[in-house]
ModelCIF file with pLDDT and N, C-alpha, C, O atoms, coordinates in Angstrom:
data_MODEL
#
_entry.id   MODEL 
#
_entity.id                         1 
_entity.type                       polymer 
_entity.pdbx_number_of_molecules   1 
#
_entity_poly.entity_id                      1 
_entity_poly.type                           'polypeptide(L)' 
_entity_poly.nstd_linkage                   no 
_entity_poly.nstd_monomer                   no 
_entity_poly.pdbx_seq_one_letter_code       
;(UNK)(UNK)(UNK)(UNK)(UNK)(UNK)(UNK)(UNK)(UNK)(UNK)(UNK)(UNK)(UNK)(UNK)(UNK)(UNK)
(UNK)(UNK)(UNK)(UNK)(UNK)(UNK)(UNK)(UNK)(UNK)(UNK)(UNK)(UNK)(UNK)(UNK)(UNK)(UNK)
(UNK)(UNK)(UNK)(UNK)(UNK)(UNK)(UNK)(UNK)(UNK)(UNK)(UNK)(UNK)(UNK)(UNK)(UNK)
;
_entity_poly.pdbx_seq_one_letter_code_can   XXXXXXXXXXXXXXXXXXXXXXXXXXXXXXXXXXXXXXXXXXXXXXX 
_entity_poly.pdbx_strand_id                 A 
#
loop_
_entity_poly_seq.entity_id 
_entity_poly_seq.num 
_entity_poly_seq.mon_id 
_entity_poly_seq.hetero 
1 1  UNK n 
1 2  UNK n 
1 3  UNK n 
1 4  UNK n 
1 5  UNK n 
1 6  UNK n 
1 7  UNK n 
1 8  UNK n 
1 9  UNK n 
1 10 UNK n 
1 11 UNK n 
1 12 UNK n 
1 13 UNK n 
1 14 UNK n 
1 15 UNK n 
1 16 UNK n 
1 17 UNK n 
1 18 UNK n 
1 19 UNK n 
1 20 UNK n 
1 21 UNK n 
1 22 UNK n 
1 23 UNK n 
1 24 UNK n 
1 25 UNK n 
1 26 UNK n 
1 27 UNK n 
1 28 UNK n 
1 29 UNK n 
1 30 UNK n 
1 31 UNK n 
1 32 UNK n 
1 33 UNK n 
1 34 UNK n 
1 35 UNK n 
1 36 UNK n 
1 37 UNK n 
1 38 UNK n 
1 39 UNK n 
1 40 UNK n 
1 41 UNK n 
1 42 UNK n 
1 43 UNK n 
1 44 UNK n 
1 45 UNK n 
1 46 UNK n 
1 47 UNK n 
#
_struct_asym.id          A 
_struct_asym.entity_id   1 
#
loop_
_ma_qa_metric.id 
_ma_qa_metric.mode 
_ma_qa_metric.name 
_ma_qa_metric.software_group_id 
_ma_qa_metric.type 
1 global pLDDT . pLDDT 
2 local  pLDDT . pLDDT 
#
_ma_qa_metric_global.metric_id      1 
_ma_qa_metric_global.metric_value   83.04 
_ma_qa_metric_global.model_id       1 
_ma_qa_metric_global.ordinal_id     1 
#
loop_
_ma_qa_metric_local.label_asym_id 
_ma_qa_metric_local.label_comp_id 
_ma_qa_metric_local.label_seq_id 
_ma_qa_metric_local.metric_id 
_ma_qa_metric_local.metric_value 
_ma_qa_metric_local.model_id 
_ma_qa_metric_local.ordinal_id 
A UNK 1  2 94.00 1 1  
A UNK 2  2 95.00 1 2  
A UNK 3  2 95.00 1 3  
A UNK 4  2 95.00 1 4  
A UNK 5  2 94.00 1 5  
A UNK 6  2 93.00 1 6  
A UNK 7  2 92.00 1 7  
A UNK 8  2 92.00 1 8  
A UNK 9  2 91.00 1 9  
A UNK 10 2 88.00 1 10 
A UNK 11 2 89.00 1 11 
A UNK 12 2 89.00 1 12 
A UNK 13 2 86.00 1 13 
A UNK 14 2 84.00 1 14 
A UNK 15 2 85.00 1 15 
A UNK 16 2 82.00 1 16 
A UNK 17 2 77.00 1 17 
A UNK 18 2 81.00 1 18 
A UNK 19 2 80.00 1 19 
A UNK 20 2 74.00 1 20 
A UNK 21 2 75.00 1 21 
A UNK 22 2 79.00 1 22 
A UNK 23 2 75.00 1 23 
A UNK 24 2 72.00 1 24 
A UNK 25 2 64.00 1 25 
A UNK 26 2 65.00 1 26 
A UNK 27 2 72.00 1 27 
A UNK 28 2 69.00 1 28 
A UNK 29 2 69.00 1 29 
A UNK 30 2 70.00 1 30 
A UNK 31 2 74.00 1 31 
A UNK 32 2 72.00 1 32 
A UNK 33 2 75.00 1 33 
A UNK 34 2 80.00 1 34 
A UNK 35 2 83.00 1 35 
A UNK 36 2 87.00 1 36 
A UNK 37 2 86.00 1 37 
A UNK 38 2 88.00 1 38 
A UNK 39 2 89.00 1 39 
A UNK 40 2 87.00 1 40 
A UNK 41 2 88.00 1 41 
A UNK 42 2 88.00 1 42 
A UNK 43 2 88.00 1 43 
A UNK 44 2 87.00 1 44 
A UNK 45 2 89.00 1 45 
A UNK 46 2 88.00 1 46 
A UNK 47 2 88.00 1 47 
#
loop_
_atom_site.group_PDB 
_atom_site.id 
_atom_site.type_symbol 
_atom_site.label_atom_id 
_atom_site.label_alt_id 
_atom_site.label_comp_id 
_atom_site.label_asym_id 
_atom_site.label_entity_id 
_atom_site.label_seq_id 
_atom_site.pdbx_PDB_ins_code 
_atom_site.Cartn_x 
_atom_site.Cartn_y 
_atom_site.Cartn_z 
_atom_site.occupancy 
_atom_site.B_iso_or_equiv 
_atom_site.pdbx_formal_charge 
_atom_site.auth_seq_id 
_atom_site.auth_comp_id 
_atom_site.auth_asym_id 
_atom_site.auth_atom_id 
_atom_site.pdbx_PDB_model_num 
ATOM 1   N N  . UNK A 1 1  ? -1.709  -16.198 -5.846 1.00 94.00 ? 1  UNK A N  1 
ATOM 2   C CA . UNK A 1 1  ? -0.631  -16.069 -5.103 1.00 94.00 ? 1  UNK A CA 1 
ATOM 3   C C  . UNK A 1 1  ? 0.458   -15.468 -5.569 1.00 94.00 ? 1  UNK A C  1 
ATOM 4   O O  . UNK A 1 1  ? 1.198   -14.945 -4.736 1.00 94.00 ? 1  UNK A O  1 
ATOM 5   N N  . UNK A 1 2  ? 0.775   -15.407 -6.846 1.00 95.00 ? 2  UNK A N  1 
ATOM 6   C CA . UNK A 1 2  ? 1.837   -14.787 -7.479 1.00 95.00 ? 2  UNK A CA 1 
ATOM 7   C C  . UNK A 1 2  ? 1.473   -13.208 -7.488 1.00 95.00 ? 2  UNK A C  1 
ATOM 8   O O  . UNK A 1 2  ? 2.348   -12.362 -7.298 1.00 95.00 ? 2  UNK A O  1 
ATOM 9   N N  . UNK A 1 3  ? 0.148   -12.882 -7.717 1.00 95.00 ? 3  UNK A N  1 
ATOM 10  C CA . UNK A 1 3  ? -0.107  -11.450 -7.618 1.00 95.00 ? 3  UNK A CA 1 
ATOM 11  C C  . UNK A 1 3  ? 0.008   -10.887 -6.122 1.00 95.00 ? 3  UNK A C  1 
ATOM 12  O O  . UNK A 1 3  ? 0.367   -9.739  -5.861 1.00 95.00 ? 3  UNK A O  1 
ATOM 13  N N  . UNK A 1 4  ? -0.320  -11.788 -5.247 1.00 95.00 ? 4  UNK A N  1 
ATOM 14  C CA . UNK A 1 4  ? -0.201  -11.427 -3.854 1.00 95.00 ? 4  UNK A CA 1 
ATOM 15  C C  . UNK A 1 4  ? 1.346   -11.091 -3.455 1.00 95.00 ? 4  UNK A C  1 
ATOM 16  O O  . UNK A 1 4  ? 1.757   -10.103 -2.847 1.00 95.00 ? 4  UNK A O  1 
ATOM 17  N N  . UNK A 1 5  ? 1.996   -12.063 -3.908 1.00 94.00 ? 5  UNK A N  1 
ATOM 18  C CA . UNK A 1 5  ? 3.546   -11.909 -3.602 1.00 94.00 ? 5  UNK A CA 1 
ATOM 19  C C  . UNK A 1 5  ? 4.158   -10.584 -4.439 1.00 94.00 ? 5  UNK A C  1 
ATOM 20  O O  . UNK A 1 5  ? 5.038   -9.927  -3.883 1.00 94.00 ? 5  UNK A O  1 
ATOM 21  N N  . UNK A 1 6  ? 3.765   -10.257 -5.559 1.00 93.00 ? 6  UNK A N  1 
ATOM 22  C CA . UNK A 1 6  ? 4.317   -9.245  -6.210 1.00 93.00 ? 6  UNK A CA 1 
ATOM 23  C C  . UNK A 1 6  ? 3.719   -7.970  -5.967 1.00 93.00 ? 6  UNK A C  1 
ATOM 24  O O  . UNK A 1 6  ? 4.427   -6.999  -5.698 1.00 93.00 ? 6  UNK A O  1 
ATOM 25  N N  . UNK A 1 7  ? 2.356   -7.886  -6.048 1.00 92.00 ? 7  UNK A N  1 
ATOM 26  C CA . UNK A 1 7  ? 1.739   -6.722  -5.883 1.00 92.00 ? 7  UNK A CA 1 
ATOM 27  C C  . UNK A 1 7  ? 1.399   -6.291  -4.465 1.00 92.00 ? 7  UNK A C  1 
ATOM 28  O O  . UNK A 1 7  ? 1.299   -5.100  -4.168 1.00 92.00 ? 7  UNK A O  1 
ATOM 29  N N  . UNK A 1 8  ? 1.228   -7.250  -3.621 1.00 92.00 ? 8  UNK A N  1 
ATOM 30  C CA . UNK A 1 8  ? 0.731   -6.904  -2.278 1.00 92.00 ? 8  UNK A CA 1 
ATOM 31  C C  . UNK A 1 8  ? 1.975   -7.207  -1.273 1.00 92.00 ? 8  UNK A C  1 
ATOM 32  O O  . UNK A 1 8  ? 1.809   -7.073  -0.060 1.00 92.00 ? 8  UNK A O  1 
ATOM 33  N N  . UNK A 1 9  ? 3.191   -7.607  -1.796 1.00 91.00 ? 9  UNK A N  1 
ATOM 34  C CA . UNK A 1 9  ? 4.199   -7.793  -0.844 1.00 91.00 ? 9  UNK A CA 1 
ATOM 35  C C  . UNK A 1 9  ? 5.495   -7.089  -1.303 1.00 91.00 ? 9  UNK A C  1 
ATOM 36  O O  . UNK A 1 9  ? 5.980   -6.162  -0.656 1.00 91.00 ? 9  UNK A O  1 
ATOM 37  N N  . UNK A 1 10 ? 6.047   -7.571  -2.463 1.00 88.00 ? 10 UNK A N  1 
ATOM 38  C CA . UNK A 1 10 ? 7.261   -6.972  -3.102 1.00 88.00 ? 10 UNK A CA 1 
ATOM 39  C C  . UNK A 1 10 ? 7.027   -5.491  -3.356 1.00 88.00 ? 10 UNK A C  1 
ATOM 40  O O  . UNK A 1 10 ? 7.677   -4.621  -2.777 1.00 88.00 ? 10 UNK A O  1 
ATOM 41  N N  . UNK A 1 11 ? 6.004   -5.223  -4.310 1.00 89.00 ? 11 UNK A N  1 
ATOM 42  C CA . UNK A 1 11 ? 5.978   -3.925  -4.784 1.00 89.00 ? 11 UNK A CA 1 
ATOM 43  C C  . UNK A 1 11 ? 5.770   -2.844  -3.687 1.00 89.00 ? 11 UNK A C  1 
ATOM 44  O O  . UNK A 1 11 ? 6.526   -1.878  -3.583 1.00 89.00 ? 11 UNK A O  1 
ATOM 45  N N  . UNK A 1 12 ? 4.627   -3.076  -2.815 1.00 89.00 ? 12 UNK A N  1 
ATOM 46  C CA . UNK A 1 12 ? 4.381   -2.042  -1.799 1.00 89.00 ? 12 UNK A CA 1 
ATOM 47  C C  . UNK A 1 12 ? 5.563   -1.917  -0.751 1.00 89.00 ? 12 UNK A C  1 
ATOM 48  O O  . UNK A 1 12 ? 5.724   -0.831  -0.195 1.00 89.00 ? 12 UNK A O  1 
ATOM 49  N N  . UNK A 1 13 ? 6.265   -2.815  -0.506 1.00 86.00 ? 13 UNK A N  1 
ATOM 50  C CA . UNK A 1 13 ? 7.514   -2.806  0.472  1.00 86.00 ? 13 UNK A CA 1 
ATOM 51  C C  . UNK A 1 13 ? 8.491   -1.842  -0.249 1.00 86.00 ? 13 UNK A C  1 
ATOM 52  O O  . UNK A 1 13 ? 8.902   -0.853  0.359  1.00 86.00 ? 13 UNK A O  1 
ATOM 53  N N  . UNK A 1 14 ? 8.850   -2.075  -1.427 1.00 84.00 ? 14 UNK A N  1 
ATOM 54  C CA . UNK A 1 14 ? 9.771   -1.162  -2.262 1.00 84.00 ? 14 UNK A CA 1 
ATOM 55  C C  . UNK A 1 14 ? 9.271   0.181   -2.367 1.00 84.00 ? 14 UNK A C  1 
ATOM 56  O O  . UNK A 1 14 ? 10.012  1.156   -2.245 1.00 84.00 ? 14 UNK A O  1 
ATOM 57  N N  . UNK A 1 15 ? 7.790   0.282   -2.634 1.00 85.00 ? 15 UNK A N  1 
ATOM 58  C CA . UNK A 1 15 ? 7.287   1.727   -2.857 1.00 85.00 ? 15 UNK A CA 1 
ATOM 59  C C  . UNK A 1 15 ? 7.346   2.484   -1.524 1.00 85.00 ? 15 UNK A C  1 
ATOM 60  O O  . UNK A 1 15 ? 7.732   3.649   -1.425 1.00 85.00 ? 15 UNK A O  1 
ATOM 61  N N  . UNK A 1 16 ? 6.947   1.753   -0.556 1.00 82.00 ? 16 UNK A N  1 
ATOM 62  C CA . UNK A 1 16 ? 6.915   2.605   0.853  1.00 82.00 ? 16 UNK A CA 1 
ATOM 63  C C  . UNK A 1 16 ? 8.368   2.940   1.197  1.00 82.00 ? 16 UNK A C  1 
ATOM 64  O O  . UNK A 1 16 ? 8.576   4.028   1.735  1.00 82.00 ? 16 UNK A O  1 
ATOM 65  N N  . UNK A 1 17 ? 9.338   2.166   0.959  1.00 77.00 ? 17 UNK A N  1 
ATOM 66  C CA . UNK A 1 17 ? 10.820  2.499   1.280  1.00 77.00 ? 17 UNK A CA 1 
ATOM 67  C C  . UNK A 1 17 ? 11.098  3.908   0.396  1.00 77.00 ? 17 UNK A C  1 
ATOM 68  O O  . UNK A 1 17 ? 11.669  4.873   0.906  1.00 77.00 ? 17 UNK A O  1 
ATOM 69  N N  . UNK A 1 18 ? 10.630  3.898   -0.967 1.00 81.00 ? 18 UNK A N  1 
ATOM 70  C CA . UNK A 1 18 ? 10.881  5.038   -1.706 1.00 81.00 ? 18 UNK A CA 1 
ATOM 71  C C  . UNK A 1 18 ? 10.081  6.147   -1.115 1.00 81.00 ? 18 UNK A C  1 
ATOM 72  O O  . UNK A 1 18 ? 10.586  7.269   -1.148 1.00 81.00 ? 18 UNK A O  1 
ATOM 73  N N  . UNK A 1 19 ? 8.982   6.005   -0.615 1.00 80.00 ? 19 UNK A N  1 
ATOM 74  C CA . UNK A 1 19 ? 8.102   7.036   -0.111 1.00 80.00 ? 19 UNK A CA 1 
ATOM 75  C C  . UNK A 1 19 ? 8.890   7.591   1.143  1.00 80.00 ? 19 UNK A C  1 
ATOM 76  O O  . UNK A 1 19 ? 9.212   8.776   1.217  1.00 80.00 ? 19 UNK A O  1 
ATOM 77  N N  . UNK A 1 20 ? 9.131   6.819   1.956  1.00 74.00 ? 20 UNK A N  1 
ATOM 78  C CA . UNK A 1 20 ? 9.954   7.213   3.173  1.00 74.00 ? 20 UNK A CA 1 
ATOM 79  C C  . UNK A 1 20 ? 11.118  7.969   2.922  1.00 74.00 ? 20 UNK A C  1 
ATOM 80  O O  . UNK A 1 20 ? 11.322  9.036   3.501  1.00 74.00 ? 20 UNK A O  1 
ATOM 81  N N  . UNK A 1 21 ? 11.944  7.453   2.043  1.00 75.00 ? 21 UNK A N  1 
ATOM 82  C CA . UNK A 1 21 ? 13.123  8.197   1.624  1.00 75.00 ? 21 UNK A CA 1 
ATOM 83  C C  . UNK A 1 21 ? 12.906  9.522   1.076  1.00 75.00 ? 21 UNK A C  1 
ATOM 84  O O  . UNK A 1 21 ? 13.778  10.362  1.296  1.00 75.00 ? 21 UNK A O  1 
ATOM 85  N N  . UNK A 1 22 ? 11.803  9.873   0.344  1.00 79.00 ? 22 UNK A N  1 
ATOM 86  C CA . UNK A 1 22 ? 11.477  11.090  -0.153 1.00 79.00 ? 22 UNK A CA 1 
ATOM 87  C C  . UNK A 1 22 ? 10.713  12.078  0.688  1.00 79.00 ? 22 UNK A C  1 
ATOM 88  O O  . UNK A 1 22 ? 10.798  13.289  0.481  1.00 79.00 ? 22 UNK A O  1 
ATOM 89  N N  . UNK A 1 23 ? 9.995   11.575  1.602  1.00 75.00 ? 23 UNK A N  1 
ATOM 90  C CA . UNK A 1 23 ? 9.107   12.437  2.485  1.00 75.00 ? 23 UNK A CA 1 
ATOM 91  C C  . UNK A 1 23 ? 8.940   12.142  3.847  1.00 75.00 ? 23 UNK A C  1 
ATOM 92  O O  . UNK A 1 23 ? 8.129   12.783  4.516  1.00 75.00 ? 23 UNK A O  1 
ATOM 93  N N  . UNK A 1 24 ? 9.646   11.206  4.347  1.00 72.00 ? 24 UNK A N  1 
ATOM 94  C CA . UNK A 1 24 ? 9.722   10.805  5.764  1.00 72.00 ? 24 UNK A CA 1 
ATOM 95  C C  . UNK A 1 24 ? 8.714   9.892   6.207  1.00 72.00 ? 24 UNK A C  1 
ATOM 96  O O  . UNK A 1 24 ? 7.682   9.846   5.537  1.00 72.00 ? 24 UNK A O  1 
ATOM 97  N N  . UNK A 1 25 ? 8.831   9.106   7.281  1.00 64.00 ? 25 UNK A N  1 
ATOM 98  C CA . UNK A 1 25 ? 8.039   8.109   7.816  1.00 64.00 ? 25 UNK A CA 1 
ATOM 99  C C  . UNK A 1 25 ? 6.586   8.745   8.110  1.00 64.00 ? 25 UNK A C  1 
ATOM 100 O O  . UNK A 1 25 ? 5.586   8.205   7.639  1.00 64.00 ? 25 UNK A O  1 
ATOM 101 N N  . UNK A 1 26 ? 6.512   9.722   8.774  1.00 65.00 ? 26 UNK A N  1 
ATOM 102 C CA . UNK A 1 26 ? 5.385   10.236  9.332  1.00 65.00 ? 26 UNK A CA 1 
ATOM 103 C C  . UNK A 1 26 ? 4.280   10.550  8.179  1.00 65.00 ? 26 UNK A C  1 
ATOM 104 O O  . UNK A 1 26 ? 3.115   10.160  8.264  1.00 65.00 ? 26 UNK A O  1 
ATOM 105 N N  . UNK A 1 27 ? 4.782   11.286  7.118  1.00 72.00 ? 27 UNK A N  1 
ATOM 106 C CA . UNK A 1 27 ? 3.912   11.559  5.956  1.00 72.00 ? 27 UNK A CA 1 
ATOM 107 C C  . UNK A 1 27 ? 3.511   10.397  5.235  1.00 72.00 ? 27 UNK A C  1 
ATOM 108 O O  . UNK A 1 27 ? 2.339   10.230  4.896  1.00 72.00 ? 27 UNK A O  1 
ATOM 109 N N  . UNK A 1 28 ? 4.483   9.529   4.967  1.00 69.00 ? 28 UNK A N  1 
ATOM 110 C CA . UNK A 1 28 ? 4.344   8.149   4.411  1.00 69.00 ? 28 UNK A CA 1 
ATOM 111 C C  . UNK A 1 28 ? 3.160   7.451   5.112  1.00 69.00 ? 28 UNK A C  1 
ATOM 112 O O  . UNK A 1 28 ? 2.187   7.012   4.499  1.00 69.00 ? 28 UNK A O  1 
ATOM 113 N N  . UNK A 1 29 ? 3.322   7.388   6.424  1.00 69.00 ? 29 UNK A N  1 
ATOM 114 C CA . UNK A 1 29 ? 2.325   6.732   7.392  1.00 69.00 ? 29 UNK A CA 1 
ATOM 115 C C  . UNK A 1 29 ? 0.953   7.301   7.165  1.00 69.00 ? 29 UNK A C  1 
ATOM 116 O O  . UNK A 1 29 ? -0.008  6.548   7.011  1.00 69.00 ? 29 UNK A O  1 
ATOM 117 N N  . UNK A 1 30 ? 0.847   8.460   7.144  1.00 70.00 ? 30 UNK A N  1 
ATOM 118 C CA . UNK A 1 30 ? -0.415  9.303   7.034  1.00 70.00 ? 30 UNK A CA 1 
ATOM 119 C C  . UNK A 1 30 ? -1.077  8.874   5.744  1.00 70.00 ? 30 UNK A C  1 
ATOM 120 O O  . UNK A 1 30 ? -2.237  8.463   5.732  1.00 70.00 ? 30 UNK A O  1 
ATOM 121 N N  . UNK A 1 31 ? -0.314  8.976   4.638  1.00 74.00 ? 31 UNK A N  1 
ATOM 122 C CA . UNK A 1 31 ? -1.125  8.509   3.341  1.00 74.00 ? 31 UNK A CA 1 
ATOM 123 C C  . UNK A 1 31 ? -1.442  6.929   3.476  1.00 74.00 ? 31 UNK A C  1 
ATOM 124 O O  . UNK A 1 31 ? -2.471  6.466   2.986  1.00 74.00 ? 31 UNK A O  1 
ATOM 125 N N  . UNK A 1 32 ? -0.606  6.214   4.090  1.00 72.00 ? 32 UNK A N  1 
ATOM 126 C CA . UNK A 1 32 ? -0.924  4.820   4.298  1.00 72.00 ? 32 UNK A CA 1 
ATOM 127 C C  . UNK A 1 32 ? -2.177  4.432   5.092  1.00 72.00 ? 32 UNK A C  1 
ATOM 128 O O  . UNK A 1 32 ? -2.588  3.273   5.166  1.00 72.00 ? 32 UNK A O  1 
ATOM 129 N N  . UNK A 1 33 ? -2.693  5.380   5.618  1.00 75.00 ? 33 UNK A N  1 
ATOM 130 C CA . UNK A 1 33 ? -4.028  5.274   6.390  1.00 75.00 ? 33 UNK A CA 1 
ATOM 131 C C  . UNK A 1 33 ? -5.264  5.122   5.479  1.00 75.00 ? 33 UNK A C  1 
ATOM 132 O O  . UNK A 1 33 ? -6.392  4.859   5.897  1.00 75.00 ? 33 UNK A O  1 
ATOM 133 N N  . UNK A 1 34 ? -4.896  5.334   4.066  1.00 80.00 ? 34 UNK A N  1 
ATOM 134 C CA . UNK A 1 34 ? -5.965  5.098   3.119  1.00 80.00 ? 34 UNK A CA 1 
ATOM 135 C C  . UNK A 1 34 ? -6.199  3.595   2.872  1.00 80.00 ? 34 UNK A C  1 
ATOM 136 O O  . UNK A 1 34 ? -7.104  3.213   2.131  1.00 80.00 ? 34 UNK A O  1 
ATOM 137 N N  . UNK A 1 35 ? -5.379  2.764   3.498  1.00 83.00 ? 35 UNK A N  1 
ATOM 138 C CA . UNK A 1 35 ? -5.444  1.249   3.228  1.00 83.00 ? 35 UNK A CA 1 
ATOM 139 C C  . UNK A 1 35 ? -6.785  0.433   3.496  1.00 83.00 ? 35 UNK A C  1 
ATOM 140 O O  . UNK A 1 35 ? -7.159  -0.484  2.764  1.00 83.00 ? 35 UNK A O  1 
ATOM 141 N N  . UNK A 1 36 ? -7.547  0.922   4.763  1.00 87.00 ? 36 UNK A N  1 
ATOM 142 C CA . UNK A 1 36 ? -8.915  0.420   4.906  1.00 87.00 ? 36 UNK A CA 1 
ATOM 143 C C  . UNK A 1 36 ? -9.803  0.693   3.970  1.00 87.00 ? 36 UNK A C  1 
ATOM 144 O O  . UNK A 1 36 ? -10.535 -0.172  3.491  1.00 87.00 ? 36 UNK A O  1 
ATOM 145 N N  . UNK A 1 37 ? -9.821  2.041   3.590  1.00 86.00 ? 37 UNK A N  1 
ATOM 146 C CA . UNK A 1 37 ? -10.818 2.474   2.720  1.00 86.00 ? 37 UNK A CA 1 
ATOM 147 C C  . UNK A 1 37 ? -10.528 1.911   1.159  1.00 86.00 ? 37 UNK A C  1 
ATOM 148 O O  . UNK A 1 37 ? -11.484 1.773   0.397  1.00 86.00 ? 37 UNK A O  1 
ATOM 149 N N  . UNK A 1 38 ? -9.252  1.615   0.753  1.00 88.00 ? 38 UNK A N  1 
ATOM 150 C CA . UNK A 1 38 ? -9.117  1.089   -0.516 1.00 88.00 ? 38 UNK A CA 1 
ATOM 151 C C  . UNK A 1 38 ? -9.424  -0.439  -0.413 1.00 88.00 ? 38 UNK A C  1 
ATOM 152 O O  . UNK A 1 38 ? -9.758  -1.015  -1.448 1.00 88.00 ? 38 UNK A O  1 
ATOM 153 N N  . UNK A 1 39 ? -9.340  -1.117  0.716  1.00 89.00 ? 39 UNK A N  1 
ATOM 154 C CA . UNK A 1 39 ? -9.694  -2.510  0.986  1.00 89.00 ? 39 UNK A CA 1 
ATOM 155 C C  . UNK A 1 39 ? -11.132 -2.469  0.812  1.00 89.00 ? 39 UNK A C  1 
ATOM 156 O O  . UNK A 1 39 ? -11.605 -3.099  -0.134 1.00 89.00 ? 39 UNK A O  1 
ATOM 157 N N  . UNK A 1 40 ? -11.834 -1.873  1.521  1.00 87.00 ? 40 UNK A N  1 
ATOM 158 C CA . UNK A 1 40 ? -13.329 -1.855  1.588  1.00 87.00 ? 40 UNK A CA 1 
ATOM 159 C C  . UNK A 1 40 ? -13.928 -1.654  0.101  1.00 87.00 ? 40 UNK A C  1 
ATOM 160 O O  . UNK A 1 40 ? -14.832 -2.346  -0.368 1.00 87.00 ? 40 UNK A O  1 
ATOM 161 N N  . UNK A 1 41 ? -13.271 -0.586  -0.568 1.00 88.00 ? 41 UNK A N  1 
ATOM 162 C CA . UNK A 1 41 ? -13.768 -0.394  -1.940 1.00 88.00 ? 41 UNK A CA 1 
ATOM 163 C C  . UNK A 1 41 ? -13.470 -1.598  -2.844 1.00 88.00 ? 41 UNK A C  1 
ATOM 164 O O  . UNK A 1 41 ? -14.389 -2.083  -3.504 1.00 88.00 ? 41 UNK A O  1 
ATOM 165 N N  . UNK A 1 42 ? -12.206 -2.114  -2.908 1.00 88.00 ? 42 UNK A N  1 
ATOM 166 C CA . UNK A 1 42 ? -11.759 -3.190  -3.553 1.00 88.00 ? 42 UNK A CA 1 
ATOM 167 C C  . UNK A 1 42 ? -12.667 -4.412  -3.314 1.00 88.00 ? 42 UNK A C  1 
ATOM 168 O O  . UNK A 1 42 ? -12.980 -5.115  -4.275 1.00 88.00 ? 42 UNK A O  1 
ATOM 169 N N  . UNK A 1 43 ? -13.076 -4.676  -2.141 1.00 88.00 ? 43 UNK A N  1 
ATOM 170 C CA . UNK A 1 43 ? -13.866 -5.717  -1.781 1.00 88.00 ? 43 UNK A CA 1 
ATOM 171 C C  . UNK A 1 43 ? -15.310 -5.612  -2.294 1.00 88.00 ? 43 UNK A C  1 
ATOM 172 O O  . UNK A 1 43 ? -15.887 -6.622  -2.696 1.00 88.00 ? 43 UNK A O  1 
ATOM 173 N N  . UNK A 1 44 ? -15.895 -4.421  -2.288 1.00 87.00 ? 44 UNK A N  1 
ATOM 174 C CA . UNK A 1 44 ? -16.981 -4.068  -2.860 1.00 87.00 ? 44 UNK A CA 1 
ATOM 175 C C  . UNK A 1 44 ? -17.093 -4.381  -4.433 1.00 87.00 ? 44 UNK A C  1 
ATOM 176 O O  . UNK A 1 44 ? -18.050 -4.988  -4.914 1.00 87.00 ? 44 UNK A O  1 
ATOM 177 N N  . UNK A 1 45 ? -16.147 -3.962  -5.082 1.00 89.00 ? 45 UNK A N  1 
ATOM 178 C CA . UNK A 1 45 ? -16.002 -3.950  -6.548 1.00 89.00 ? 45 UNK A CA 1 
ATOM 179 C C  . UNK A 1 45 ? -15.595 -5.413  -7.053 1.00 89.00 ? 45 UNK A C  1 
ATOM 180 O O  . UNK A 1 45 ? -16.230 -5.966  -7.951 1.00 89.00 ? 45 UNK A O  1 
ATOM 181 N N  . UNK A 1 46 ? -14.517 -5.994  -6.432 1.00 88.00 ? 46 UNK A N  1 
ATOM 182 C CA . UNK A 1 46 ? -14.016 -7.220  -6.970 1.00 88.00 ? 46 UNK A CA 1 
ATOM 183 C C  . UNK A 1 46 ? -14.698 -8.461  -6.276 1.00 88.00 ? 46 UNK A C  1 
ATOM 184 O O  . UNK A 1 46 ? -14.908 -9.467  -6.954 1.00 88.00 ? 46 UNK A O  1 
ATOM 185 N N  . UNK A 1 47 ? -15.006 -8.425  -5.115 1.00 88.00 ? 47 UNK A N  1 
ATOM 186 C CA . UNK A 1 47 ? -15.560 -9.549  -4.355 1.00 88.00 ? 47 UNK A CA 1 
ATOM 187 C C  . UNK A 1 47 ? -17.094 -9.487  -4.254 1.00 88.00 ? 47 UNK A C  1 
ATOM 188 O O  . UNK A 1 47 ? -17.709 -10.362 -3.645 1.00 88.00 ? 47 UNK A O  1 
#
């Protein structure tokens, strides 16, 4: 739960805000499309 709160809530919210500030919402959203691929890979590796 702590890792979920820090690594999957607090950290990505802050990091995405920094990304949007530097490169705009459109480009940040495009890179964010990696999410499903990363989840599938992590589920295969860790679960």
